[in-house]
Protein backbone atom coordinates (compact mmCIF):
# COMPACT_ATOMS: atom_id res chain seq x y z
CA MET A 1 23.56 -1.18 -63.26
CA THR A 2 23.06 -0.62 -66.99
CA GLU A 3 23.61 -3.61 -69.28
CA VAL A 4 25.51 -2.65 -72.43
CA HIS A 5 24.88 -4.53 -75.68
CA PHE A 6 26.98 -3.96 -78.78
CA TYR A 7 25.59 -5.09 -82.13
CA SER A 8 28.71 -5.17 -84.31
CA GLY A 9 29.31 -5.88 -87.98
CA VAL A 10 26.01 -4.28 -88.91
CA ALA A 11 25.49 -3.57 -92.61
CA ASN A 12 22.80 -0.90 -92.05
CA ARG A 13 22.66 0.84 -88.65
CA LEU A 14 19.19 2.31 -89.23
CA VAL A 15 17.67 -1.05 -90.12
CA MET A 16 19.29 -2.60 -87.04
CA ALA A 17 18.00 0.24 -84.85
CA GLN A 18 14.50 -0.48 -86.14
CA ARG A 19 14.87 -4.22 -85.46
CA VAL A 20 16.13 -3.64 -81.91
CA ALA A 21 13.46 -1.02 -81.15
CA HIS A 22 10.73 -3.25 -82.55
CA LYS A 23 11.87 -6.22 -80.48
CA ALA A 24 12.05 -4.12 -77.31
CA TRP A 25 8.58 -2.70 -77.98
CA GLN A 26 7.20 -6.23 -78.46
CA GLN A 27 8.69 -7.06 -75.05
CA ALA A 28 6.81 -4.07 -73.54
CA LYS A 29 10.01 -2.04 -73.09
CA TRP A 30 10.07 1.72 -73.64
CA VAL A 31 12.82 2.91 -75.96
CA ILE A 32 14.79 6.10 -76.52
CA VAL A 33 16.69 6.32 -79.82
CA TYR A 34 19.46 8.89 -79.43
CA ALA A 35 21.49 10.53 -82.19
CA GLU A 36 23.18 13.92 -82.18
CA ASP A 37 22.49 14.18 -85.92
CA THR A 38 18.93 15.45 -86.46
CA ALA A 39 19.09 14.46 -90.15
CA LEU A 40 19.62 10.86 -89.04
CA LEU A 41 16.60 11.10 -86.74
CA ASP A 42 14.58 12.60 -89.60
CA GLU A 43 15.54 9.66 -91.79
CA LEU A 44 14.55 7.16 -89.09
CA ASP A 45 11.25 8.92 -88.49
CA HIS A 46 10.47 8.99 -92.22
CA ASP A 47 11.44 5.35 -92.75
CA TRP A 48 9.41 4.16 -89.77
CA TRP A 49 6.29 5.98 -90.98
CA GLN A 50 6.75 4.32 -94.37
CA SER A 51 7.01 0.81 -92.87
CA PRO A 52 4.22 -1.61 -93.67
CA VAL A 53 1.27 -1.48 -91.27
CA THR A 54 2.17 -4.97 -90.05
CA SER A 55 5.53 -3.74 -88.76
CA PHE A 56 4.54 -0.24 -87.61
CA MET A 57 6.07 0.92 -84.34
CA PRO A 58 4.49 3.74 -82.36
CA HIS A 59 7.12 6.45 -82.13
CA ALA A 60 7.41 10.19 -81.68
CA ARG A 61 10.03 12.89 -81.62
CA ALA A 62 11.04 14.16 -78.19
CA GLY A 63 9.32 17.38 -77.29
CA MET A 64 6.03 16.43 -78.92
CA GLY A 65 3.09 16.58 -76.55
CA HIS A 66 2.44 12.86 -76.74
CA ALA A 67 6.08 11.70 -76.48
CA HIS A 68 5.67 10.83 -72.78
CA ALA A 69 2.96 8.30 -73.72
CA THR A 70 4.75 6.89 -76.78
CA PRO A 71 6.82 3.71 -76.39
CA ILE A 72 9.60 4.78 -78.77
CA VAL A 73 11.02 8.31 -78.71
CA LEU A 74 13.59 9.74 -81.13
CA THR A 75 15.79 12.47 -79.67
CA ASN A 76 19.03 14.39 -79.91
CA ALA A 77 18.80 15.79 -76.38
CA ALA A 78 19.49 14.37 -72.94
CA GLU A 79 16.90 16.45 -71.12
CA GLY A 80 13.27 15.59 -70.57
CA LEU A 81 13.48 11.94 -71.54
CA PRO A 82 10.12 10.35 -70.79
CA HIS A 83 11.31 6.83 -69.91
CA HIS A 84 14.45 4.84 -69.12
CA ASP A 85 14.14 1.19 -70.16
CA VAL A 86 16.26 0.95 -73.34
CA LEU A 87 18.58 3.50 -74.94
CA ILE A 88 19.71 2.92 -78.53
CA ASN A 89 22.78 5.05 -79.19
CA LEU A 90 23.39 6.09 -82.80
CA SER A 91 25.93 8.73 -81.81
CA ALA A 92 29.70 8.32 -82.11
CA GLU A 93 30.07 9.50 -78.52
CA THR A 94 29.13 7.86 -75.24
CA PRO A 95 25.86 9.48 -74.14
CA GLY A 96 26.52 11.12 -70.78
CA PHE A 97 23.09 10.06 -69.52
CA PHE A 98 23.23 6.34 -70.45
CA SER A 99 23.41 5.14 -66.83
CA ARG A 100 19.77 6.18 -66.30
CA PHE A 101 18.74 3.23 -68.49
CA ASP A 102 18.36 -0.47 -67.75
CA ARG A 103 19.89 -1.33 -71.13
CA LEU A 104 22.10 0.52 -73.58
CA VAL A 105 22.36 -0.67 -77.18
CA GLU A 106 25.34 0.40 -79.28
CA ILE A 107 25.01 -0.30 -83.00
CA VAL A 108 28.31 -0.58 -84.85
CA SER A 109 28.54 -0.71 -88.64
CA VAL A 110 31.29 -2.26 -90.72
CA ASN A 111 32.70 1.24 -91.36
CA GLN A 112 36.25 1.51 -90.00
CA THR A 113 35.71 4.91 -88.32
CA ASP A 114 32.52 3.64 -86.68
CA ARG A 115 34.35 0.54 -85.44
CA GLN A 116 37.17 2.63 -83.95
CA THR A 117 34.84 4.94 -82.03
CA ALA A 118 32.88 1.90 -80.85
CA ARG A 119 36.07 0.37 -79.46
CA GLN A 120 36.63 3.54 -77.45
CA ARG A 121 33.09 3.35 -76.08
CA TRP A 122 33.58 -0.36 -75.24
CA ARG A 123 36.73 0.48 -73.25
CA PHE A 124 34.90 3.33 -71.48
CA TYR A 125 32.12 0.98 -70.30
CA GLN A 126 34.55 -1.83 -69.50
CA GLU A 127 36.78 0.39 -67.33
CA ARG A 128 33.73 1.37 -65.31
CA GLY A 129 32.61 -2.21 -64.71
CA TYR A 130 29.48 -2.37 -66.86
CA ALA A 131 28.24 -5.77 -68.03
CA LEU A 132 29.18 -5.92 -71.73
CA HIS A 133 27.68 -8.16 -74.40
CA ASN A 134 28.70 -8.31 -78.06
CA HIS A 135 26.37 -9.61 -80.77
CA ASN A 136 28.33 -10.08 -84.00
CA MET A 137 25.75 -9.52 -86.72
CA ALA A 138 28.29 -10.30 -89.47
CA GLU A 139 28.02 -13.96 -88.44
CA THR A 140 24.23 -14.12 -88.79
């Protein structure tokens, strides 16, 4: 069953997504970063290409020919996902395909609207019996 990890109290969701993806990649996990907003994915892609060489993470957009061989894939679609280790959800909605993954990461900012939608997702997972873990980043 999918483990669900919430990272709450996050000042910058995109920076946290990069940290989580980088850590998973270092642990030899394959990662899907999901967001419905393509502009958000564009921003992530741009930022990750601009990262220093010492912190570079191999990543690709879904649909690219080499995405199936790339450890981190950025996507806004549920179809054709090349691997199912870790899913980082940057969408306000519960991804309907999350149960295909070993681990789901929900990143929750300090924004009130983001916190409210995250609470709804927490209840959704809790009512279905998923193992839930909260990491309060405001305390670190």
